[in-house]
Amino acid sequence: MSIETFVKPWSGHAVRHFPDTPGVKSPDIYDFRYCGASNENRWNTAGERTLYLAKEKDVALAEYARHLRLNRTPGLAAQTFRRRVFRFQVKIAWVLDLCNPDVCDELSLTDAPNCFMNMSVARATAHFIRNTTQAQAIIVPSIAFPDKTEKWCLVLFLEKLPADPLKFLPQAKPDGTFQVT
């Protein structure tokens, strides 16, 4: 069997969050120019244009809190303001689901999804998929919920998607806020 047999269309909803800083204008929710710029991302290296969405607000909050705890100084984390959440309708032609054990077996990954706790394994897996398949995105287990693959994140390879984000994120609406305390 080929890994391509697991690459399928996917549509649904996912969320993205932004700073909700008092007195500062909210950013354009379709501005992706900083996506993939960080060297702290799990599923891409710096420079690979990658957008991360979460299944729900609880996943987004847990991932954000984990990121703050691991990658930010306590002083900077304490200055983080509330986050505004937007729920996007998502329509992608080619997605590979790494929460599916059969996909992980086909990729010869051992101890999945736990192996994705290792950032090098996650990046190598995404790099392989990004460069050898038609997949435009991958569904990945949330590292904040390693034993619950139903708590996923959607990792979009922006260079493989249309330049107009409304083609793959046709609708968005506000979905409240959260704050790490």
C-alpha atoms as a PDB file:
ATOM      1  CA  MET A   1       0.000   0.000   0.000  1.00  0.00           C
ATOM      2  CA  SER A   2       1.163   3.566  -0.657  1.00  0.00           C
ATOM      3  CA  ILE A   3       0.958   6.453   1.787  1.00  0.00           C
ATOM      4  CA  GLU A   4      -0.924   8.356  -0.934  1.00  0.00           C
ATOM      5  CA  THR A   5      -3.930   6.053  -0.419  1.00  0.00           C
ATOM      6  CA  PHE A   6      -4.411   7.716   2.987  1.00  0.00           C
ATOM      7  CA  VAL A   7      -4.317  11.285   1.623  1.00  0.00           C
ATOM      8  CA  LYS A   8      -7.932  12.433   1.410  1.00  0.00           C
ATOM      9  CA  PRO A   9     -10.087  15.575   1.282  1.00  0.00           C
ATOM     10  CA  TRP A  10     -10.997  17.016   4.650  1.00  0.00           C
ATOM     11  CA  SER A  11     -13.460  19.651   5.753  1.00  0.00           C
ATOM     12  CA  GLY A  12     -14.577  20.774   9.163  1.00  0.00           C
ATOM     13  CA  HIS A  13     -13.851  23.487  11.698  1.00  0.00           C
ATOM     14  CA  ALA A  14     -10.726  24.462  13.597  1.00  0.00           C
ATOM     15  CA  VAL A  15      -9.601  27.415  15.689  1.00  0.00           C
ATOM     16  CA  ARG A  16      -6.760  29.921  15.731  1.00  0.00           C
ATOM     17  CA  HIS A  17      -5.944  32.464  18.441  1.00  0.00           C
ATOM     18  CA  PHE A  18      -4.429  35.942  18.459  1.00  0.00           C
ATOM     19  CA  PRO A  19      -3.313  38.437  21.089  1.00  0.00           C
ATOM     20  CA  ASP A  20      -6.168  40.428  22.606  1.00  0.00           C
ATOM     21  CA  THR A  21      -4.088  43.353  23.823  1.00  0.00           C
ATOM     22  CA  PRO A  22      -6.076  46.284  25.243  1.00  0.00           C
ATOM     23  CA  GLY A  23      -5.860  49.332  22.991  1.00  0.00           C
ATOM     24  CA  VAL A  24      -4.188  47.453  20.136  1.00  0.00           C
ATOM     25  CA  LYS A  25      -6.023  46.751  16.890  1.00  0.00           C
ATOM     26  CA  SER A  26      -6.648  43.052  16.264  1.00  0.00           C
ATOM     27  CA  PRO A  27      -4.493  41.524  13.539  1.00  0.00           C
ATOM     28  CA  ASP A  28      -5.871  40.384  10.200  1.00  0.00           C
ATOM     29  CA  ILE A  29      -6.917  36.778  10.851  1.00  0.00           C
ATOM     30  CA  TYR A  30      -5.858  35.878   7.299  1.00  0.00           C
ATOM     31  CA  ASP A  31      -2.366  37.374   7.632  1.00  0.00           C
ATOM     32  CA  PHE A  32      -0.014  34.398   7.450  1.00  0.00           C
ATOM     33  CA  ARG A  33       3.286  36.197   6.911  1.00  0.00           C
ATOM     34  CA  TYR A  34       4.697  35.042  10.281  1.00  0.00           C
ATOM     35  CA  CYS A  35       3.490  31.449   9.960  1.00  0.00           C
ATOM     36  CA  GLY A  36       6.516  29.204  10.076  1.00  0.00           C
ATOM     37  CA  ALA A  37       8.962  31.937  11.073  1.00  0.00           C
ATOM     38  CA  SER A  38       9.668  30.520  14.533  1.00  0.00           C
ATOM     39  CA  ASN A  39      12.312  27.894  15.178  1.00  0.00           C
ATOM     40  CA  GLU A  40      10.204  26.577  18.098  1.00  0.00           C
ATOM     41  CA  ASN A  41       7.466  24.951  16.003  1.00  0.00           C
ATOM     42  CA  ARG A  42       7.089  21.199  16.300  1.00  0.00           C
ATOM     43  CA  TRP A  43       5.994  20.326  12.757  1.00  0.00           C
ATOM     44  CA  ASN A  44       8.146  22.655  10.650  1.00  0.00           C
ATOM     45  CA  THR A  45      11.541  24.265  10.613  1.00  0.00           C
ATOM     46  CA  ALA A  46      11.894  28.033  10.502  1.00  0.00           C
ATOM     47  CA  GLY A  47      11.094  29.294   7.017  1.00  0.00           C
ATOM     48  CA  GLU A  48       8.601  26.585   6.079  1.00  0.00           C
ATOM     49  CA  ARG A  49       5.299  28.457   5.732  1.00  0.00           C
ATOM     50  CA  THR A  50       3.080  26.533   8.134  1.00  0.00           C
ATOM     51  CA  LEU A  51      -0.225  27.445   9.766  1.00  0.00           C
ATOM     52  CA  TYR A  52      -1.335  25.688  12.938  1.00  0.00           C
ATOM     53  CA  LEU A  53      -5.016  25.317  13.856  1.00  0.00           C
ATOM     54  CA  ALA A  54      -6.521  23.404  16.781  1.00  0.00           C
ATOM     55  CA  LYS A  55      -9.623  21.241  16.864  1.00  0.00           C
ATOM     56  CA  GLU A  56     -11.182  23.260  19.686  1.00  0.00           C
ATOM     57  CA  LYS A  57     -10.441  26.049  22.140  1.00  0.00           C
ATOM     58  CA  ASP A  58      -9.365  23.625  24.864  1.00  0.00           C
ATOM     59  CA  VAL A  59      -6.695  22.198  22.552  1.00  0.00           C
ATOM     60  CA  ALA A  60      -5.541  25.690  21.519  1.00  0.00           C
ATOM     61  CA  LEU A  61      -5.334  26.793  25.158  1.00  0.00           C
ATOM     62  CA  ALA A  62      -3.441  23.674  26.258  1.00  0.00           C
ATOM     63  CA  GLU A  63      -0.973  23.939  23.362  1.00  0.00           C
ATOM     64  CA  TYR A  64      -0.425  27.651  24.013  1.00  0.00           C
ATOM     65  CA  ALA A  65       0.068  27.141  27.765  1.00  0.00           C
ATOM     66  CA  ARG A  66       2.530  24.311  27.096  1.00  0.00           C
ATOM     67  CA  HIS A  67       4.427  26.520  24.656  1.00  0.00           C
ATOM     68  CA  LEU A  68       4.609  29.369  27.165  1.00  0.00           C
ATOM     69  CA  ARG A  69       5.798  27.044  29.921  1.00  0.00           C
ATOM     70  CA  LEU A  70       8.541  25.496  27.790  1.00  0.00           C
ATOM     71  CA  ASN A  71       9.669  28.322  25.522  1.00  0.00           C
ATOM     72  CA  ARG A  72       9.154  31.587  27.383  1.00  0.00           C
ATOM     73  CA  THR A  73      10.604  33.140  30.494  1.00  0.00           C
ATOM     74  CA  PRO A  74       8.156  33.422  33.410  1.00  0.00           C
ATOM     75  CA  GLY A  75       8.285  37.233  33.176  1.00  0.00           C
ATOM     76  CA  LEU A  76       7.340  37.270  29.509  1.00  0.00           C
ATOM     77  CA  ALA A  77       4.637  34.660  30.008  1.00  0.00           C
ATOM     78  CA  ALA A  78       3.136  36.800  32.797  1.00  0.00           C
ATOM     79  CA  GLN A  79       2.834  39.721  30.340  1.00  0.00           C
ATOM     80  CA  THR A  80       0.829  37.661  27.864  1.00  0.00           C
ATOM     81  CA  PHE A  81      -2.622  39.107  27.463  1.00  0.00           C
ATOM     82  CA  ARG A  82      -5.824  37.330  26.691  1.00  0.00           C
ATOM     83  CA  ARG A  83      -6.103  35.541  23.374  1.00  0.00           C
ATOM     84  CA  ARG A  84      -8.977  36.075  20.938  1.00  0.00           C
ATOM     85  CA  VAL A  85     -10.173  32.888  19.286  1.00  0.00           C
ATOM     86  CA  PHE A  86     -11.600  32.527  15.788  1.00  0.00           C
ATOM     87  CA  ARG A  87     -13.344  29.434  14.457  1.00  0.00           C
ATOM     88  CA  PHE A  88     -12.574  28.744  10.802  1.00  0.00           C
ATOM     89  CA  GLN A  89     -14.440  26.627   8.338  1.00  0.00           C
ATOM     90  CA  VAL A  90     -11.724  24.520   6.687  1.00  0.00           C
ATOM     91  CA  LYS A  91     -11.815  22.845   3.250  1.00  0.00           C
ATOM     92  CA  ILE A  92      -8.650  21.123   2.100  1.00  0.00           C
ATOM     93  CA  ALA A  93      -8.319  18.802  -0.881  1.00  0.00           C
ATOM     94  CA  TRP A  94      -5.464  16.621   0.416  1.00  0.00           C
ATOM     95  CA  VAL A  95      -4.916  15.820   4.093  1.00  0.00           C
ATOM     96  CA  LEU A  96      -3.032  13.022   5.843  1.00  0.00           C
ATOM     97  CA  ASP A  97      -4.191  12.034   9.341  1.00  0.00           C
ATOM     98  CA  LEU A  98      -1.285  11.127  11.637  1.00  0.00           C
ATOM     99  CA  CYS A  99      -3.787  10.268  14.393  1.00  0.00           C
ATOM    100  CA  ASN A 100      -4.649   7.187  12.327  1.00  0.00           C
ATOM    101  CA  PRO A 101      -2.485   4.235  13.477  1.00  0.00           C
ATOM    102  CA  ASP A 102      -2.574   2.727   9.961  1.00  0.00           C
ATOM    103  CA  VAL A 103      -0.952   5.884   8.569  1.00  0.00           C
ATOM    104  CA  CYS A 104       1.781   5.731  11.199  1.00  0.00           C
ATOM    105  CA  ASP A 105       2.361   2.058  10.396  1.00  0.00           C
ATOM    106  CA  GLU A 106       2.623   2.861   6.685  1.00  0.00           C
ATOM    107  CA  LEU A 107       5.227   5.510   7.539  1.00  0.00           C
ATOM    108  CA  SER A 108       7.132   2.959   9.694  1.00  0.00           C
ATOM    109  CA  LEU A 109       6.774   5.144  12.785  1.00  0.00           C
ATOM    110  CA  THR A 110       7.318   3.292  16.027  1.00  0.00           C
ATOM    111  CA  ASP A 111       5.561   4.243  19.247  1.00  0.00           C
ATOM    112  CA  ALA A 112       3.190   6.688  17.568  1.00  0.00           C
ATOM    113  CA  PRO A 113       1.779   9.046  18.724  1.00  0.00           C
ATOM    114  CA  ASN A 114       4.358   9.203  21.544  1.00  0.00           C
ATOM    115  CA  CYS A 115       7.212   9.451  19.045  1.00  0.00           C
ATOM    116  CA  PHE A 116       5.944  12.944  18.115  1.00  0.00           C
ATOM    117  CA  MET A 117       6.986  14.224  21.545  1.00  0.00           C
ATOM    118  CA  ASN A 118      10.444  14.243  19.962  1.00  0.00           C
ATOM    119  CA  MET A 119      10.504  17.416  17.862  1.00  0.00           C
ATOM    120  CA  SER A 120      13.058  15.941  15.456  1.00  0.00           C
ATOM    121  CA  VAL A 121      10.758  13.002  14.688  1.00  0.00           C
ATOM    122  CA  ALA A 122       7.748  15.310  14.223  1.00  0.00           C
ATOM    123  CA  ARG A 123       9.671  17.650  11.918  1.00  0.00           C
ATOM    124  CA  ALA A 124      11.194  14.811   9.899  1.00  0.00           C
ATOM    125  CA  THR A 125       7.770  13.198   9.484  1.00  0.00           C
ATOM    126  CA  ALA A 126       6.153  16.443   8.365  1.00  0.00           C
ATOM    127  CA  HIS A 127       9.091  17.239   6.065  1.00  0.00           C
ATOM    128  CA  PHE A 128       8.803  13.830   4.409  1.00  0.00           C
ATOM    129  CA  ILE A 129       5.029  14.195   3.927  1.00  0.00           C
ATOM    130  CA  ARG A 130       5.335  17.799   2.759  1.00  0.00           C
ATOM    131  CA  ASN A 131       7.937  16.931   0.131  1.00  0.00           C
ATOM    132  CA  THR A 132       6.912  13.482  -1.097  1.00  0.00           C
ATOM    133  CA  THR A 133       3.096  13.476  -1.103  1.00  0.00           C
ATOM    134  CA  GLN A 134       0.319  15.664  -2.408  1.00  0.00           C
ATOM    135  CA  ALA A 135      -0.825  16.342   1.188  1.00  0.00           C
ATOM    136  CA  GLN A 136      -1.500  20.031   1.810  1.00  0.00           C
ATOM    137  CA  ALA A 137      -1.975  19.494   5.531  1.00  0.00           C
ATOM    138  CA  ILE A 138      -1.634  16.906   8.269  1.00  0.00           C
ATOM    139  CA  ILE A 139      -3.829  16.160  11.241  1.00  0.00           C
ATOM    140  CA  VAL A 140      -1.533  15.569  14.202  1.00  0.00           C
ATOM    141  CA  PRO A 141      -2.103  14.574  17.820  1.00  0.00           C
ATOM    142  CA  SER A 142      -1.923  17.440  20.276  1.00  0.00           C
ATOM    143  CA  ILE A 143       1.256  17.192  22.318  1.00  0.00           C
ATOM    144  CA  ALA A 144      -0.732  18.630  25.241  1.00  0.00           C
ATOM    145  CA  PHE A 145      -2.999  15.534  25.139  1.00  0.00           C
ATOM    146  CA  PRO A 146      -0.634  12.755  24.029  1.00  0.00           C
ATOM    147  CA  ASP A 147      -3.003   9.940  24.992  1.00  0.00           C
ATOM    148  CA  LYS A 148      -6.074  11.467  23.299  1.00  0.00           C
ATOM    149  CA  THR A 149      -5.725  11.472  19.510  1.00  0.00           C
ATOM    150  CA  GLU A 150      -9.228  12.932  19.202  1.00  0.00           C
ATOM    151  CA  LYS A 151      -7.631  16.182  20.488  1.00  0.00           C
ATOM    152  CA  TRP A 152      -5.789  17.085  17.307  1.00  0.00           C
ATOM    153  CA  CYS A 153      -4.154  19.995  15.569  1.00  0.00           C
ATOM    154  CA  LEU A 154      -4.256  20.727  11.864  1.00  0.00           C
ATOM    155  CA  VAL A 155      -0.911  21.677  10.327  1.00  0.00           C
ATOM    156  CA  LEU A 156      -1.301  23.402   6.960  1.00  0.00           C
ATOM    157  CA  PHE A 157       1.534  23.558   4.429  1.00  0.00           C
ATOM    158  CA  LEU A 158       0.806  27.041   3.082  1.00  0.00           C
ATOM    159  CA  GLU A 159       3.026  26.764   0.008  1.00  0.00           C
ATOM    160  CA  LYS A 160       0.819  23.897  -1.202  1.00  0.00           C
ATOM    161  CA  LEU A 161      -2.453  25.795  -0.722  1.00  0.00           C
ATOM    162  CA  PRO A 162      -4.030  28.539  -2.847  1.00  0.00           C
ATOM    163  CA  ALA A 163      -2.654  32.057  -2.385  1.00  0.00           C
ATOM    164  CA  ASP A 164      -6.184  33.214  -1.512  1.00  0.00           C
ATOM    165  CA  PRO A 165      -6.883  31.823   1.986  1.00  0.00           C
ATOM    166  CA  LEU A 166     -10.631  32.117   1.427  1.00  0.00           C
ATOM    167  CA  LYS A 167     -10.279  29.135  -0.919  1.00  0.00           C
ATOM    168  CA  PHE A 168      -9.379  26.832   2.002  1.00  0.00           C
ATOM    169  CA  LEU A 169     -10.631  28.876   5.003  1.00  0.00           C
ATOM    170  CA  PRO A 170     -13.857  30.242   3.501  1.00  0.00           C
ATOM    171  CA  GLN A 171     -15.442  31.462   6.726  1.00  0.00           C
ATOM    172  CA  ALA A 172     -14.319  32.619  10.141  1.00  0.00           C
ATOM    173  CA  LYS A 173     -16.169  33.889  13.160  1.00  0.00           C
ATOM    174  CA  PRO A 174     -15.159  35.040  16.625  1.00  0.00           C
ATOM    175  CA  ASP A 175     -15.282  32.266  19.224  1.00  0.00           C
ATOM    176  CA  GLY A 176     -14.517  34.016  22.504  1.00  0.00           C
ATOM    177  CA  THR A 177     -11.253  34.324  24.359  1.00  0.00           C
ATOM    178  CA  PHE A 178      -8.949  32.479  26.692  1.00  0.00           C
ATOM    179  CA  GLN A 179      -6.132  33.461  28.992  1.00  0.00           C
ATOM    180  CA  VAL A 180      -3.320  31.471  30.549  1.00  0.00           C
ATOM    181  CA  THR A 181      -3.191  32.178  34.270  1.00  0.00           C
END
